[in-house]
Protein backbone atom coordinates (compact mmCIF):
# COMPACT_ATOMS: atom_id res chain seq x y z
CA MET A 1 -34.28 -46.65 -28.80
CA LYS A 2 -32.38 -43.59 -29.93
CA THR A 3 -29.19 -44.75 -28.25
CA LEU A 4 -29.29 -48.02 -30.22
CA ALA A 5 -29.78 -46.42 -33.64
CA PRO A 6 -26.11 -45.68 -34.42
CA ALA A 7 -25.14 -49.29 -33.71
CA VAL A 8 -27.89 -50.58 -36.02
CA ARG A 9 -26.80 -48.27 -38.80
CA LEU A 10 -23.19 -49.42 -38.39
CA ASP A 11 -24.21 -53.08 -38.57
CA ASP A 12 -26.28 -52.38 -41.68
CA ARG A 13 -23.28 -50.78 -43.34
CA LEU A 14 -21.12 -53.79 -42.52
CA LEU A 15 -23.73 -56.14 -43.96
CA GLN A 16 -23.87 -54.03 -47.11
CA ALA A 17 -20.08 -54.09 -47.35
CA MET A 18 -19.98 -57.88 -47.02
CA GLY A 19 -22.71 -58.26 -49.64
CA LEU A 20 -20.81 -56.01 -52.05
CA MET A 21 -17.66 -58.06 -51.48
CA CYS A 22 -19.50 -61.29 -52.34
CA VAL A 23 -20.77 -59.83 -55.61
CA TYR A 24 -17.29 -58.44 -56.34
CA VAL A 25 -15.72 -61.88 -55.88
CA GLY A 26 -18.21 -63.52 -58.22
CA LEU A 27 -17.56 -60.97 -60.95
CA ILE A 28 -13.78 -61.23 -60.55
CA VAL A 29 -13.93 -65.03 -60.92
CA TYR A 30 -15.53 -64.47 -64.34
CA VAL A 31 -12.95 -61.85 -65.34
CA ASN A 32 -10.03 -64.10 -64.34
CA ALA A 33 -11.47 -67.07 -66.24
CA CYS A 34 -11.86 -64.92 -69.36
CA GLY A 35 -8.34 -63.60 -68.87
CA LYS A 36 -6.86 -67.10 -68.83
CA VAL A 37 -8.78 -68.08 -71.96
CA MET A 38 -7.76 -64.94 -73.84
CA ALA A 39 -4.11 -65.20 -72.73
CA GLU A 40 -3.92 -68.41 -74.78
CA SER A 41 -4.36 -66.33 -77.96
CA TYR A 42 -3.02 -62.90 -76.98
CA HIS A 43 -0.15 -61.48 -74.96
CA PRO A 44 -1.07 -61.14 -71.27
CA PHE A 45 -0.30 -57.43 -71.47
CA GLU A 46 -2.88 -57.06 -74.27
CA VAL A 47 -5.43 -58.85 -72.08
CA THR A 48 -4.63 -56.29 -69.38
CA LEU A 49 -4.95 -53.44 -71.89
CA PHE A 50 -8.50 -54.40 -72.84
CA ARG A 51 -9.41 -55.20 -69.25
CA HIS A 52 -8.41 -51.76 -67.95
CA GLY A 53 -8.98 -49.65 -71.06
CA ILE A 54 -12.59 -50.74 -71.52
CA ALA A 55 -13.21 -50.45 -67.76
CA PHE A 56 -11.96 -46.85 -67.90
CA LEU A 57 -14.29 -45.96 -70.79
CA TRP A 58 -17.16 -47.73 -69.02
CA MET A 59 -16.64 -45.66 -65.86
CA LEU A 60 -16.56 -42.45 -67.92
CA ILE A 61 -19.80 -43.36 -69.70
CA LEU A 62 -21.54 -44.17 -66.41
CA PHE A 63 -20.41 -41.32 -64.21
CA ALA A 64 -19.16 -38.32 -66.23
CA PRO A 65 -22.59 -37.28 -67.64
CA ARG A 66 -24.20 -37.59 -64.20
CA HIS A 67 -21.57 -35.74 -62.16
CA GLY A 68 -19.93 -33.46 -64.73
CA PRO A 69 -16.25 -32.49 -64.94
CA ARG A 70 -15.86 -32.23 -61.16
CA ILE A 71 -15.92 -36.04 -60.89
CA LEU A 72 -12.57 -36.08 -62.70
CA VAL A 73 -10.85 -33.89 -60.09
CA PRO A 74 -9.49 -35.91 -57.12
CA LYS A 75 -8.64 -34.49 -53.72
CA ARG A 76 -5.63 -36.80 -53.43
CA PRO A 77 -4.18 -37.11 -56.96
CA GLY A 78 -0.91 -38.59 -55.70
CA LEU A 79 -2.66 -41.44 -53.92
CA GLN A 80 -4.92 -41.97 -56.93
CA ILE A 81 -1.91 -42.38 -59.23
CA ILE A 82 -0.23 -44.81 -56.83
CA ARG A 83 -3.49 -46.78 -56.53
CA GLY A 84 -3.76 -46.97 -60.30
CA LEU A 85 -0.17 -48.18 -60.60
CA CYS A 86 -0.83 -50.85 -57.96
CA GLY A 87 -3.95 -51.98 -59.80
CA ILE A 88 -2.31 -52.25 -63.21
CA SER A 89 0.77 -53.96 -61.75
CA SER A 90 -1.44 -56.53 -60.04
CA SER A 91 -3.22 -57.28 -63.33
CA LEU A 92 0.00 -57.50 -65.35
CA PHE A 93 1.55 -59.90 -62.84
CA TYR A 94 -1.67 -61.90 -62.51
CA PHE A 95 -2.47 -62.48 -66.17
CA THR A 96 1.16 -63.27 -66.95
CA GLY A 97 1.43 -65.76 -64.11
CA LEU A 98 -1.96 -67.22 -65.01
CA THR A 99 -0.54 -68.53 -68.29
CA GLN A 100 1.60 -70.95 -66.23
CA LEU A 101 -0.85 -71.99 -63.49
CA SER A 102 -4.40 -73.22 -63.09
CA LEU A 103 -7.18 -70.83 -62.09
CA ALA A 104 -7.56 -72.47 -58.68
CA THR A 105 -3.83 -72.39 -57.89
CA ALA A 106 -3.65 -68.75 -58.94
CA ALA A 107 -6.64 -67.95 -56.72
CA ALA A 108 -5.07 -69.79 -53.78
CA ILE A 109 -1.81 -67.85 -54.08
CA SER A 110 -3.76 -64.59 -54.33
CA PHE A 111 -5.24 -65.44 -50.92
CA SER A 112 -2.06 -64.01 -49.42
CA THR A 113 -3.43 -60.53 -50.27
CA PRO A 114 -5.61 -60.24 -47.11
CA LEU A 115 -2.63 -61.29 -45.00
CA ILE A 116 -0.49 -58.57 -46.56
CA VAL A 117 -3.34 -56.11 -46.00
CA ALA A 118 -3.52 -57.14 -42.35
CA ALA A 119 0.27 -56.85 -41.95
CA LEU A 120 0.39 -53.37 -43.47
CA SER A 121 -2.86 -52.02 -42.01
CA GLY A 122 -0.88 -50.69 -39.04
CA PRO A 123 1.56 -48.34 -40.81
CA PHE A 124 -0.85 -47.47 -43.65
CA LEU A 125 -4.22 -47.23 -41.90
CA GLY A 126 -3.26 -46.76 -38.25
CA GLU A 127 -4.91 -50.04 -37.22
CA LYS A 128 -3.38 -51.95 -34.32
CA VAL A 129 -1.55 -55.13 -35.34
CA GLY A 130 -0.97 -57.24 -32.22
CA LEU A 131 0.83 -60.48 -31.49
CA HIS A 132 -2.19 -62.67 -32.37
CA ARG A 133 -2.59 -61.07 -35.78
CA TRP A 134 1.13 -61.39 -36.54
CA ALA A 135 1.00 -65.08 -35.62
CA ALA A 136 -1.94 -65.57 -38.01
CA ILE A 137 -0.15 -63.62 -40.76
CA LEU A 138 2.98 -65.76 -40.48
CA THR A 139 0.86 -68.92 -40.47
CA GLY A 140 -0.89 -67.75 -43.62
CA PHE A 141 2.38 -67.11 -45.40
CA LEU A 142 3.43 -70.64 -44.48
CA GLY A 143 0.33 -71.76 -46.39
CA THR A 144 1.48 -69.71 -49.37
CA LEU A 145 4.84 -71.49 -49.30
CA ILE A 146 3.07 -74.85 -49.19
CA ILE A 147 1.34 -73.98 -52.46
CA ILE A 148 4.41 -72.54 -54.17
CA ARG A 149 7.06 -75.10 -53.17
CA PRO A 150 5.48 -78.19 -54.79
CA CYS A 151 5.61 -76.49 -58.20
CA GLY A 152 8.05 -78.78 -59.94
CA ASP A 153 9.27 -77.12 -63.12
CA GLY A 154 10.65 -73.65 -63.70
CA ALA A 155 7.58 -72.36 -65.53
CA ASP A 156 5.28 -73.19 -62.63
CA GLN A 157 7.70 -71.68 -60.13
CA TRP A 158 7.99 -68.49 -62.17
CA GLY A 159 4.20 -68.30 -62.47
CA ALA A 160 3.82 -68.69 -58.70
CA ILE A 161 6.30 -65.87 -58.06
CA LEU A 162 4.40 -63.60 -60.46
CA LEU A 163 1.14 -64.40 -58.67
CA LEU A 164 2.74 -63.53 -55.33
CA CYS A 165 3.89 -60.19 -56.79
CA SER A 166 0.31 -59.66 -57.95
CA ALA A 167 -0.90 -60.29 -54.39
CA VAL A 168 1.49 -57.66 -53.02
CA SER A 169 0.32 -55.12 -55.61
CA SER A 170 -3.31 -55.98 -54.90
CA ALA A 171 -2.74 -55.42 -51.17
CA GLY A 172 -1.40 -51.96 -51.90
CA TYR A 173 -4.43 -51.30 -54.11
CA GLN A 174 -6.85 -52.31 -51.36
CA LEU A 175 -5.05 -50.36 -48.64
CA ILE A 176 -5.06 -47.18 -50.71
CA THR A 177 -8.73 -47.78 -51.59
CA ARG A 178 -9.49 -47.78 -47.87
CA ARG A 179 -7.30 -44.70 -47.34
CA LEU A 180 -9.19 -42.80 -50.04
CA ALA A 181 -12.62 -43.81 -48.71
CA GLY A 182 -14.47 -40.70 -47.57
CA GLN A 183 -12.04 -38.36 -49.35
CA ASP A 184 -12.80 -38.92 -53.03
CA HIS A 185 -16.01 -40.24 -54.52
CA ALA A 186 -15.94 -43.93 -55.47
CA GLU A 187 -16.64 -42.80 -59.04
CA THR A 188 -13.59 -40.52 -59.05
CA THR A 189 -11.40 -43.26 -57.60
CA ASN A 190 -12.43 -45.81 -60.22
CA ILE A 191 -12.10 -43.41 -63.15
CA TRP A 192 -8.59 -42.48 -62.04
CA SER A 193 -7.62 -46.09 -61.50
CA GLY A 194 -8.73 -46.92 -65.04
CA PHE A 195 -7.04 -43.82 -66.46
CA VAL A 196 -3.66 -44.52 -64.86
CA GLY A 197 -3.74 -48.22 -65.77
CA THR A 198 -4.77 -47.50 -69.36
CA CYS A 199 -1.97 -44.96 -69.80
CA VAL A 200 0.61 -47.51 -68.65
CA VAL A 201 -0.48 -50.34 -70.94
CA VAL A 202 -1.13 -48.05 -73.93
CA ALA A 203 2.45 -46.80 -73.63
CA MET A 204 3.62 -50.43 -73.74
CA SER A 205 1.22 -51.57 -76.48
CA PRO A 206 3.53 -51.13 -79.52
CA PHE A 207 5.58 -54.05 -78.19
CA PHE A 208 2.77 -56.60 -77.90
CA PHE A 209 -0.53 -55.50 -79.49
CA THR A 210 -2.30 -57.73 -82.03
CA MET A 211 -5.71 -56.73 -83.40
CA PRO A 212 -8.40 -59.28 -82.42
CA ASN A 213 -9.91 -60.81 -85.57
CA GLN A 214 -12.82 -62.85 -84.19
CA TRP A 215 -16.10 -61.46 -82.91
CA HIS A 216 -16.20 -63.67 -79.80
CA HIS A 217 -12.74 -62.41 -78.80
CA TRP A 218 -14.09 -58.86 -78.93
CA ALA A 219 -17.10 -59.98 -76.90
CA LEU A 220 -14.91 -61.51 -74.20
CA PHE A 221 -12.61 -58.48 -74.07
CA LEU A 222 -15.60 -56.12 -73.80
CA SER A 223 -17.22 -58.19 -71.07
CA MET A 224 -13.94 -58.37 -69.14
CA GLY A 225 -13.63 -54.60 -69.14
CA ILE A 226 -17.24 -53.80 -68.29
CA ILE A 227 -17.62 -56.49 -65.62
CA GLY A 228 -14.13 -55.89 -64.21
CA GLY A 229 -14.71 -52.15 -63.96
CA SER A 230 -18.08 -52.69 -62.29
CA ALA A 231 -16.52 -55.18 -59.86
CA HIS A 232 -13.87 -52.74 -58.72
CA TYR A 233 -16.46 -50.02 -58.32
CA LEU A 234 -18.30 -52.37 -55.93
CA LEU A 235 -15.00 -53.00 -54.14
CA THR A 236 -14.55 -49.28 -53.61
CA LYS A 237 -18.10 -48.94 -52.26
CA ALA A 238 -17.49 -51.90 -49.93
CA PHE A 239 -14.36 -50.32 -48.45
CA GLU A 240 -16.35 -47.14 -47.83
CA ARG A 241 -18.55 -49.20 -45.50
CA GLY A 242 -16.15 -51.52 -43.69
CA PRO A 243 -12.54 -52.03 -42.53
CA ALA A 244 -9.95 -53.61 -44.82
CA ALA A 245 -8.99 -56.43 -42.43
CA LEU A 246 -12.63 -57.54 -42.16
CA LEU A 247 -13.53 -57.40 -45.86
CA SER A 248 -10.39 -58.74 -47.52
CA PRO A 249 -10.92 -62.38 -46.38
CA PHE A 250 -14.05 -62.50 -48.56
CA ASN A 251 -11.62 -62.94 -51.45
CA TYR A 252 -11.26 -66.54 -50.23
CA LEU A 253 -14.56 -67.31 -51.92
CA GLN A 254 -12.67 -67.06 -55.20
CA LEU A 255 -11.27 -70.56 -54.70
CA LEU A 256 -14.71 -72.11 -55.11
CA GLY A 257 -15.45 -70.14 -58.27
CA ALA A 258 -11.96 -70.66 -59.69
CA THR A 259 -12.11 -74.40 -59.05
CA LEU A 260 -15.49 -74.67 -60.77
CA SER A 261 -14.50 -72.54 -63.78
CA GLY A 262 -11.17 -74.37 -64.08
CA TYR A 263 -12.96 -77.70 -64.15
CA ILE A 264 -15.53 -76.50 -66.69
CA LEU A 265 -12.92 -74.98 -69.01
CA TYR A 266 -9.96 -77.36 -68.62
CA ARG A 267 -11.22 -80.37 -66.66
CA ASN A 268 -8.54 -79.84 -64.01
CA LEU A 269 -8.80 -79.70 -60.23
CA PRO A 270 -6.36 -78.35 -57.61
CA ASP A 271 -3.80 -80.83 -56.29
CA HIS A 272 -3.61 -81.72 -52.59
CA TRP A 273 -0.83 -79.19 -51.93
CA THR A 274 -3.06 -76.38 -53.20
CA TRP A 275 -5.94 -77.47 -50.95
CA ILE A 276 -3.67 -77.83 -47.90
CA GLY A 277 -2.00 -74.47 -48.46
CA ALA A 278 -5.31 -72.75 -49.17
CA ALA A 279 -6.80 -74.22 -45.99
CA VAL A 280 -3.90 -72.83 -43.93
CA ILE A 281 -4.22 -69.39 -45.56
CA VAL A 282 -8.01 -69.28 -45.18
CA GLY A 283 -7.79 -70.38 -41.56
CA ALA A 284 -5.30 -67.62 -40.80
CA GLY A 285 -7.38 -65.02 -42.61
CA LEU A 286 -10.59 -66.03 -40.91
CA TYR A 287 -8.86 -65.87 -37.52
CA ILE A 288 -7.78 -62.31 -38.30
CA ALA A 289 -11.32 -61.39 -39.38
CA ARG A 290 -12.84 -62.98 -36.26
CA ARG A 291 -10.41 -61.17 -33.98
CA GLU A 292 -11.08 -57.92 -35.82
CA ASN A 293 -14.81 -58.33 -35.21
CA ARG A 294 -14.21 -59.05 -31.54
CA LEU A 295 -12.01 -55.96 -31.13
CA ARG A 296 -14.61 -53.80 -32.89
CA ALA A 297 -17.35 -55.14 -30.62
CA THR A 298 -15.21 -54.46 -27.54
CA SER A 299 -14.43 -50.89 -28.64
CA ARG A 300 -18.13 -50.17 -29.23
CA SER A 301 -19.10 -51.45 -25.80
CA VAL A 302 -16.51 -49.34 -23.95
């Protein structure tokens, strides 16, 4: 019985990580839907400002009184700054591109993030990336091209490129999150991410800021920040419990939520190119996750 205990604890941690990822995805679907609605009335950079600024204040309110000043001191400040820059870049690209594309199409393009994570997990995390994984990664990127190429006019094409840039930035964010796991507290990581992102958009705010003048706009901005900050805290806790290549494919669940919210808000559904491309990307990502599980099981049995 004692020899089996470590394996049980490991499986429990993986189940917890997967559960946290599912909750994270649900919260992010809400944040993205609010972001698209608010970007119709405000500059996308202002949407990003409220999203990250309020999340930063929310993290301070939650964690600073409990942990004291030491929670503000990271062990890897350089990595924390880079993570924060990746996070804010991803949001800036995403909310700007979202003004040109539907929620479901944007979610489908963002599915390339787990593939980028898998491709870079070797040099960044020391994980082995073999021939099978590279084949799945290339197949997944083919799916991304299927989604992007049918965009007919220049605005759609530009929006798709911005969403792909967001996916690259998000991959960097997730890889660094995994790198920081076990070094800095999740609370420290999220406070620093919010701090760095807020500093960037505040510095840019004189060029785009407009004071919201309706109470429901304030309500949506506040909810975006609080829910978005909480979601990324759950993401950090998930990556403390499981490997990046296994957890990242859970982002594929966003397509269901994005499709539903897009239909409720705008009565639009993804076209057939989006579904085909998303199916290719999801298939590639799930293959990577399945192979990752098999390799982990083999390494435990040796």
